[in-house]
Amino acid sequence: MEGMTTASMTPDGSPAASPLATALRAIKAFAGAAVSVVVLGEYADKRKA
């Protein structure tokens, strides 16, 4: 574990995120992933044709 630092092992002291903020962040990540899959899927279809 040479690359591990204490900064990655300890919290930064910032207040915990609210459940609403956590849910919104998860929705944003899911939507971004879904859009990228659709865009990459359409790009792959065009390359095969």
N, C-alpha and C. Protein backbone atom coordinates (compact mmCIF):
# COMPACT_ATOMS: atom_id res chain seq x y z
N MET A 1 0.82 -1.19 0.00
CA MET A 1 0.00 0.00 0.00
C MET A 1 0.86 1.25 0.00
N GLU A 2 1.78 1.32 -0.90
CA GLU A 2 2.67 2.46 -0.93
C GLU A 2 1.97 3.73 -1.38
N GLY A 3 0.96 3.60 -2.26
CA GLY A 3 0.29 4.77 -2.81
C GLY A 3 -0.77 5.36 -1.89
N MET A 4 -1.09 4.69 -0.80
CA MET A 4 -2.13 5.18 0.10
C MET A 4 -1.59 6.31 0.97
N THR A 5 -2.41 7.34 1.14
CA THR A 5 -2.03 8.43 2.03
C THR A 5 -3.06 8.54 3.13
N THR A 6 -2.72 9.25 4.17
CA THR A 6 -3.68 9.43 5.26
C THR A 6 -4.86 10.29 4.82
N ALA A 7 -4.67 11.13 3.81
CA ALA A 7 -5.76 11.97 3.32
C ALA A 7 -6.87 11.12 2.72
N SER A 8 -6.52 10.00 2.11
CA SER A 8 -7.54 9.14 1.52
C SER A 8 -8.19 8.24 2.55
N MET A 9 -7.65 8.19 3.73
CA MET A 9 -8.16 7.30 4.76
C MET A 9 -9.01 8.04 5.80
N THR A 10 -8.91 9.36 5.86
CA THR A 10 -9.62 10.11 6.89
C THR A 10 -10.59 11.08 6.24
N PRO A 11 -11.72 11.35 6.89
CA PRO A 11 -12.67 12.31 6.33
C PRO A 11 -12.09 13.72 6.33
N ASP A 12 -12.63 14.56 5.45
CA ASP A 12 -12.09 15.91 5.32
C ASP A 12 -12.70 16.89 6.31
N GLY A 13 -13.66 16.46 7.10
CA GLY A 13 -14.23 17.33 8.11
C GLY A 13 -15.41 18.15 7.61
N SER A 14 -15.78 18.03 6.34
CA SER A 14 -16.93 18.77 5.83
C SER A 14 -18.21 18.13 6.34
N PRO A 15 -19.26 18.93 6.47
CA PRO A 15 -20.52 18.36 6.97
C PRO A 15 -21.09 17.33 6.00
N ALA A 16 -21.81 16.37 6.53
CA ALA A 16 -22.37 15.30 5.70
C ALA A 16 -23.42 15.88 4.75
N ALA A 17 -23.49 15.32 3.56
CA ALA A 17 -24.47 15.77 2.57
C ALA A 17 -25.86 15.31 3.00
N SER A 18 -26.85 16.12 2.66
CA SER A 18 -28.22 15.76 2.99
C SER A 18 -28.67 14.60 2.11
N PRO A 19 -29.66 13.85 2.56
CA PRO A 19 -30.15 12.74 1.74
C PRO A 19 -30.66 13.21 0.37
N LEU A 20 -31.27 14.39 0.31
CA LEU A 20 -31.76 14.92 -0.96
C LEU A 20 -30.59 15.20 -1.90
N ALA A 21 -29.53 15.78 -1.40
CA ALA A 21 -28.36 16.07 -2.22
C ALA A 21 -27.73 14.76 -2.71
N THR A 22 -27.68 13.76 -1.87
CA THR A 22 -27.13 12.47 -2.26
C THR A 22 -27.99 11.83 -3.35
N ALA A 23 -29.31 11.90 -3.20
CA ALA A 23 -30.21 11.34 -4.20
C ALA A 23 -30.08 12.07 -5.53
N LEU A 24 -29.99 13.38 -5.50
CA LEU A 24 -29.85 14.15 -6.73
C LEU A 24 -28.53 13.84 -7.43
N ARG A 25 -27.48 13.66 -6.65
CA ARG A 25 -26.18 13.32 -7.22
C ARG A 25 -26.24 11.95 -7.89
N ALA A 26 -26.94 11.00 -7.28
CA ALA A 26 -27.08 9.66 -7.86
C ALA A 26 -27.89 9.71 -9.15
N ILE A 27 -28.97 10.50 -9.16
CA ILE A 27 -29.79 10.64 -10.36
C ILE A 27 -28.98 11.27 -11.49
N LYS A 28 -28.20 12.27 -11.16
CA LYS A 28 -27.37 12.93 -12.17
C LYS A 28 -26.35 11.96 -12.76
N ALA A 29 -25.73 11.14 -11.92
CA ALA A 29 -24.75 10.17 -12.40
C ALA A 29 -25.42 9.12 -13.28
N PHE A 30 -26.60 8.65 -12.87
CA PHE A 30 -27.31 7.64 -13.66
C PHE A 30 -27.73 8.20 -15.01
N ALA A 31 -28.26 9.43 -15.00
CA ALA A 31 -28.70 10.06 -16.26
C ALA A 31 -27.51 10.27 -17.20
N GLY A 32 -26.41 10.70 -16.67
CA GLY A 32 -25.21 10.90 -17.49
C GLY A 32 -24.73 9.60 -18.10
N ALA A 33 -24.76 8.53 -17.31
CA ALA A 33 -24.34 7.23 -17.83
C ALA A 33 -25.30 6.74 -18.91
N ALA A 34 -26.59 6.93 -18.70
CA ALA A 34 -27.59 6.49 -19.68
C ALA A 34 -27.42 7.26 -21.00
N VAL A 35 -27.21 8.55 -20.92
CA VAL A 35 -27.02 9.36 -22.13
C VAL A 35 -25.77 8.91 -22.87
N SER A 36 -24.70 8.66 -22.16
CA SER A 36 -23.47 8.25 -22.83
C SER A 36 -23.62 6.89 -23.49
N VAL A 37 -24.38 5.98 -22.88
CA VAL A 37 -24.62 4.67 -23.49
C VAL A 37 -25.42 4.83 -24.77
N VAL A 38 -26.43 5.68 -24.75
CA VAL A 38 -27.25 5.90 -25.94
C VAL A 38 -26.41 6.52 -27.05
N VAL A 39 -25.64 7.54 -26.72
CA VAL A 39 -24.80 8.21 -27.73
C VAL A 39 -23.76 7.26 -28.29
N LEU A 40 -23.08 6.51 -27.43
CA LEU A 40 -22.06 5.58 -27.90
C LEU A 40 -22.69 4.43 -28.68
N GLY A 41 -23.88 4.01 -28.29
CA GLY A 41 -24.57 2.94 -29.01
C GLY A 41 -24.94 3.39 -30.41
N GLU A 42 -25.43 4.61 -30.57
CA GLU A 42 -25.77 5.12 -31.89
C GLU A 42 -24.51 5.29 -32.74
N TYR A 43 -23.42 5.72 -32.13
CA TYR A 43 -22.16 5.88 -32.86
C TYR A 43 -21.66 4.53 -33.35
N ALA A 44 -21.76 3.50 -32.50
CA ALA A 44 -21.30 2.17 -32.88
C ALA A 44 -22.16 1.60 -34.01
N ASP A 45 -23.45 1.86 -33.98
CA ASP A 45 -24.34 1.38 -35.05
C ASP A 45 -23.96 2.00 -36.39
N LYS A 46 -23.64 3.28 -36.40
CA LYS A 46 -23.29 3.97 -37.63
C LYS A 46 -21.96 3.47 -38.19
N ARG A 47 -21.04 3.08 -37.33
CA ARG A 47 -19.74 2.61 -37.79
C ARG A 47 -19.85 1.24 -38.44
N LYS A 48 -20.80 0.41 -37.99
CA LYS A 48 -20.97 -0.93 -38.56
C LYS A 48 -21.63 -0.87 -39.92
N ALA A 49 -22.44 0.14 -40.16
CA ALA A 49 -23.19 0.23 -41.42
C ALA A 49 -22.31 0.63 -42.59
